[in-house]
């Protein structure tokens, strides 16, 4: 199964667990363009695409290896 076909929206708690960043840190990085943008999923609910979080994790791993 490809990553696109299994893509889904993750909510706040899961995003925090996957990223290791608190809400404020994620929002600051989002504004700076260094973290995936959240999506409005209705009403006051937000979420992030799992594929974008996974790509961010890969990029972060590569940066750690370079430094």
N, C-alpha and C. Protein backbone atom coordinates (compact mmCIF):
# COMPACT_ATOMS: atom_id res chain seq x y z
N UNK A 1 0.84 -1.17 0.00
CA UNK A 1 0.00 0.00 0.00
C UNK A 1 0.89 1.24 0.00
N UNK A 2 0.61 2.20 -0.88
CA UNK A 2 1.44 3.39 -0.96
C UNK A 2 1.11 4.35 0.17
N UNK A 3 2.02 5.28 0.41
CA UNK A 3 1.83 6.24 1.50
C UNK A 3 0.62 7.12 1.23
N UNK A 4 0.41 7.51 -0.04
CA UNK A 4 -0.71 8.37 -0.38
C UNK A 4 -2.04 7.69 -0.07
N UNK A 5 -2.15 6.41 -0.37
CA UNK A 5 -3.42 5.72 -0.15
C UNK A 5 -3.71 5.52 1.34
N UNK A 6 -2.70 5.59 2.18
CA UNK A 6 -2.91 5.43 3.61
C UNK A 6 -2.82 6.76 4.35
N UNK A 7 -2.78 7.88 3.61
CA UNK A 7 -2.68 9.19 4.24
C UNK A 7 -3.96 9.49 5.00
N UNK A 8 -3.79 10.17 6.12
CA UNK A 8 -4.94 10.53 6.94
C UNK A 8 -4.60 11.77 7.74
N UNK A 9 -5.60 12.32 8.36
CA UNK A 9 -5.41 13.49 9.21
C UNK A 9 -5.12 13.03 10.64
N UNK A 10 -4.10 13.63 11.24
CA UNK A 10 -3.80 13.35 12.64
C UNK A 10 -4.19 14.57 13.46
N UNK A 11 -4.68 14.32 14.64
CA UNK A 11 -5.14 15.39 15.52
C UNK A 11 -4.02 15.81 16.45
N UNK A 12 -4.31 16.76 17.31
CA UNK A 12 -3.33 17.40 18.19
C UNK A 12 -2.48 16.40 18.97
N UNK A 13 -3.09 15.49 19.68
CA UNK A 13 -2.33 14.58 20.54
C UNK A 13 -1.36 13.73 19.74
N UNK A 14 -1.82 13.17 18.62
CA UNK A 14 -0.94 12.33 17.81
C UNK A 14 0.16 13.15 17.15
N UNK A 15 -0.17 14.37 16.73
CA UNK A 15 0.85 15.24 16.13
C UNK A 15 1.94 15.55 17.15
N UNK A 16 1.54 15.81 18.38
CA UNK A 16 2.51 16.08 19.45
C UNK A 16 3.41 14.87 19.67
N UNK A 17 2.82 13.68 19.68
CA UNK A 17 3.59 12.46 19.88
C UNK A 17 4.55 12.21 18.72
N UNK A 18 4.10 12.44 17.50
CA UNK A 18 4.95 12.20 16.32
C UNK A 18 6.08 13.22 16.20
N UNK A 19 5.78 14.47 16.53
CA UNK A 19 6.77 15.53 16.34
C UNK A 19 7.68 15.72 17.54
N UNK A 20 7.19 15.41 18.72
CA UNK A 20 7.96 15.67 19.93
C UNK A 20 7.99 17.14 20.30
N UNK A 21 7.11 17.92 19.68
CA UNK A 21 7.05 19.36 19.92
C UNK A 21 5.73 19.73 20.57
N UNK A 22 5.78 20.68 21.49
CA UNK A 22 4.55 21.17 22.10
C UNK A 22 3.79 22.02 21.08
N UNK A 23 2.56 22.33 21.39
CA UNK A 23 1.70 23.09 20.48
C UNK A 23 2.33 24.42 20.08
N UNK A 24 2.83 25.16 21.05
CA UNK A 24 3.41 26.48 20.77
C UNK A 24 4.61 26.36 19.84
N UNK A 25 5.48 25.40 20.08
CA UNK A 25 6.66 25.22 19.24
C UNK A 25 6.26 24.86 17.81
N UNK A 26 5.25 24.01 17.67
CA UNK A 26 4.78 23.64 16.32
C UNK A 26 4.22 24.85 15.61
N UNK A 27 3.41 25.65 16.29
CA UNK A 27 2.80 26.82 15.67
C UNK A 27 3.87 27.84 15.26
N UNK A 28 4.88 28.02 16.10
CA UNK A 28 5.97 28.94 15.75
C UNK A 28 6.71 28.45 14.51
N UNK A 29 6.98 27.15 14.45
CA UNK A 29 7.66 26.59 13.28
C UNK A 29 6.77 26.63 12.04
N UNK A 30 5.48 26.47 12.25
CA UNK A 30 4.54 26.56 11.13
C UNK A 30 4.59 27.97 10.53
N UNK A 31 4.57 28.98 11.38
CA UNK A 31 4.65 30.37 10.91
C UNK A 31 5.96 30.63 10.18
N UNK A 32 7.04 30.00 10.63
CA UNK A 32 8.36 30.17 10.01
C UNK A 32 8.49 29.33 8.74
N UNK A 33 7.53 28.45 8.49
CA UNK A 33 7.57 27.61 7.30
C UNK A 33 8.42 26.36 7.47
N UNK A 34 8.73 25.99 8.71
CA UNK A 34 9.58 24.82 8.95
C UNK A 34 8.82 23.64 9.54
N UNK A 35 7.49 23.75 9.57
CA UNK A 35 6.64 22.65 10.03
C UNK A 35 5.39 22.66 9.17
N UNK A 36 4.83 21.50 8.86
CA UNK A 36 3.65 21.45 8.00
C UNK A 36 2.48 22.28 8.55
N UNK A 37 1.74 22.87 7.65
CA UNK A 37 0.60 23.69 8.03
C UNK A 37 -0.56 22.83 8.51
N UNK A 38 -1.22 23.32 9.53
CA UNK A 38 -2.41 22.62 10.02
C UNK A 38 -3.56 22.85 9.05
N UNK A 39 -4.54 21.99 9.12
CA UNK A 39 -5.70 22.08 8.24
C UNK A 39 -6.96 22.23 9.09
N UNK A 40 -7.85 23.08 8.63
CA UNK A 40 -9.14 23.21 9.29
C UNK A 40 -10.00 22.04 8.83
N UNK A 41 -10.47 21.24 9.76
CA UNK A 41 -11.26 20.07 9.38
C UNK A 41 -12.72 20.20 9.81
N UNK A 42 -13.12 21.42 10.09
CA UNK A 42 -14.52 21.68 10.42
C UNK A 42 -14.67 22.32 11.78
N UNK A 43 -15.47 23.35 11.83
CA UNK A 43 -15.68 24.05 13.10
C UNK A 43 -14.37 24.57 13.64
N UNK A 44 -14.08 24.23 14.87
CA UNK A 44 -12.83 24.66 15.49
C UNK A 44 -11.79 23.55 15.51
N UNK A 45 -12.02 22.50 14.74
CA UNK A 45 -11.12 21.34 14.72
C UNK A 45 -10.02 21.53 13.68
N UNK A 46 -8.81 21.13 14.07
CA UNK A 46 -7.68 21.19 13.15
C UNK A 46 -6.96 19.85 13.15
N UNK A 47 -6.17 19.65 12.12
CA UNK A 47 -5.37 18.44 12.03
C UNK A 47 -4.25 18.64 11.04
N UNK A 48 -3.38 17.67 10.95
CA UNK A 48 -2.25 17.70 10.05
C UNK A 48 -2.28 16.43 9.20
N UNK A 49 -1.80 16.52 7.98
CA UNK A 49 -1.73 15.34 7.12
C UNK A 49 -0.56 14.49 7.59
N UNK A 50 -0.82 13.21 7.81
CA UNK A 50 0.21 12.30 8.28
C UNK A 50 1.40 12.27 7.33
N UNK A 51 1.14 12.29 6.03
CA UNK A 51 2.23 12.26 5.05
C UNK A 51 3.15 13.47 5.20
N UNK A 52 2.59 14.63 5.50
CA UNK A 52 3.40 15.84 5.68
C UNK A 52 4.23 15.77 6.96
N UNK A 53 3.67 15.20 8.01
CA UNK A 53 4.42 15.02 9.26
C UNK A 53 5.57 14.04 9.03
N UNK A 54 5.30 12.95 8.32
CA UNK A 54 6.35 11.96 8.03
C UNK A 54 7.47 12.58 7.19
N UNK A 55 7.12 13.39 6.21
CA UNK A 55 8.13 14.06 5.38
C UNK A 55 8.96 15.02 6.23
N UNK A 56 8.30 15.75 7.13
CA UNK A 56 9.01 16.65 8.04
C UNK A 56 9.99 15.86 8.91
N UNK A 57 9.56 14.69 9.39
CA UNK A 57 10.44 13.84 10.20
C UNK A 57 11.67 13.42 9.40
N UNK A 58 11.48 13.03 8.14
CA UNK A 58 12.61 12.61 7.29
C UNK A 58 13.57 13.77 7.08
N UNK A 59 13.04 14.95 6.82
CA UNK A 59 13.88 16.13 6.61
C UNK A 59 14.68 16.44 7.87
N UNK A 60 14.03 16.34 9.01
CA UNK A 60 14.69 16.61 10.29
C UNK A 60 15.82 15.61 10.54
N UNK A 61 15.59 14.33 10.22
CA UNK A 61 16.62 13.29 10.37
C UNK A 61 17.83 13.62 9.50
N UNK A 62 17.58 14.02 8.25
CA UNK A 62 18.67 14.36 7.33
C UNK A 62 19.48 15.53 7.86
N UNK A 63 18.80 16.54 8.41
CA UNK A 63 19.49 17.71 8.95
C UNK A 63 20.37 17.32 10.13
N UNK A 64 19.90 16.41 10.96
CA UNK A 64 20.70 15.95 12.11
C UNK A 64 21.95 15.23 11.64
N UNK A 65 21.84 14.45 10.57
CA UNK A 65 22.99 13.73 10.04
C UNK A 65 24.03 14.68 9.46
N UNK A 66 23.58 15.75 8.84
CA UNK A 66 24.48 16.73 8.23
C UNK A 66 25.23 17.50 9.31
N UNK A 67 24.52 17.86 10.37
CA UNK A 67 25.14 18.65 11.45
C UNK A 67 25.86 17.71 12.33
